[in-house]
C-alpha cells in the first residue's frame, strides 16, 4: 500500500503523557498530516505529570510541539464525523500512546464508544497498522487476555518498556527508546537509538 503521509494518534488517560509528547515530536518530520485524538483524562495527565498549562480549548501544535504546524489536526474524541471514523479515509496507521487498559479492553471487544476506539476499530477492519503502547503494571488476567485478543485481531502490542543497552542519560532519552520502536513498527527509519550490534554513525 502506498504511503499517504497521514497518521492517526490517540492519547488516553494512562500515566505516561511524556510518551505521547516525545512520539509526536519525532513523528512530525515523517508525516504531512497527523490526526491527534486526545481524551479529557489525557489532558489532565499532562497537566499533572508534565506541568503543562493546557485545556481542551488551548490544545494546539504550539502547546504540544512548541511551534506552529499546520499539519496537526486536533480532534475531539466525541466527534464521530472526523475523517479517522471512516474506512474510506486512507492513512498509514494509528498509534495509541499511551494506551490505557480500559481503551485496550474496548478495542479488544470491538466497542466503539468514542472517536478513538472507532478509529482503532477501523484500522483493524481495514488491515491498517494499529500500535497500542500499553502502560500498566502489573497486568491482570483480563489485561493479558485483552492484549491477546487485540493482537489476534491485528494490533501490535508495544508495552511502554524503555531499553537500557544504549545507556540513556536522561528521562527523555529513556522514553525515546520506546518512541524508536514505535517508529520502526510504522516502517520508519529512526536514528534515536542504534540497532543492537550496529555502531551508530
Foldseek 3Di string as FASTA:
>chain_A
DDADLEEEEEEELDADLVLVLLLVQVCVVRGLAYEYEYAQNSVVNCCPVVVQPDHLVRDACCSRPVDHHPRYHYDYFADCPDLLLDLVRDHQEYEYVAAELVLLQCLLVVNRPTSVSSSSVSCLVNVHEYEHAYEDPDDDPSSVVSVVSNVVSPYHYQYQAFDDPVPDDDPSLRSVSSSCVVCVVSVHDDLSDDDPPDDRD
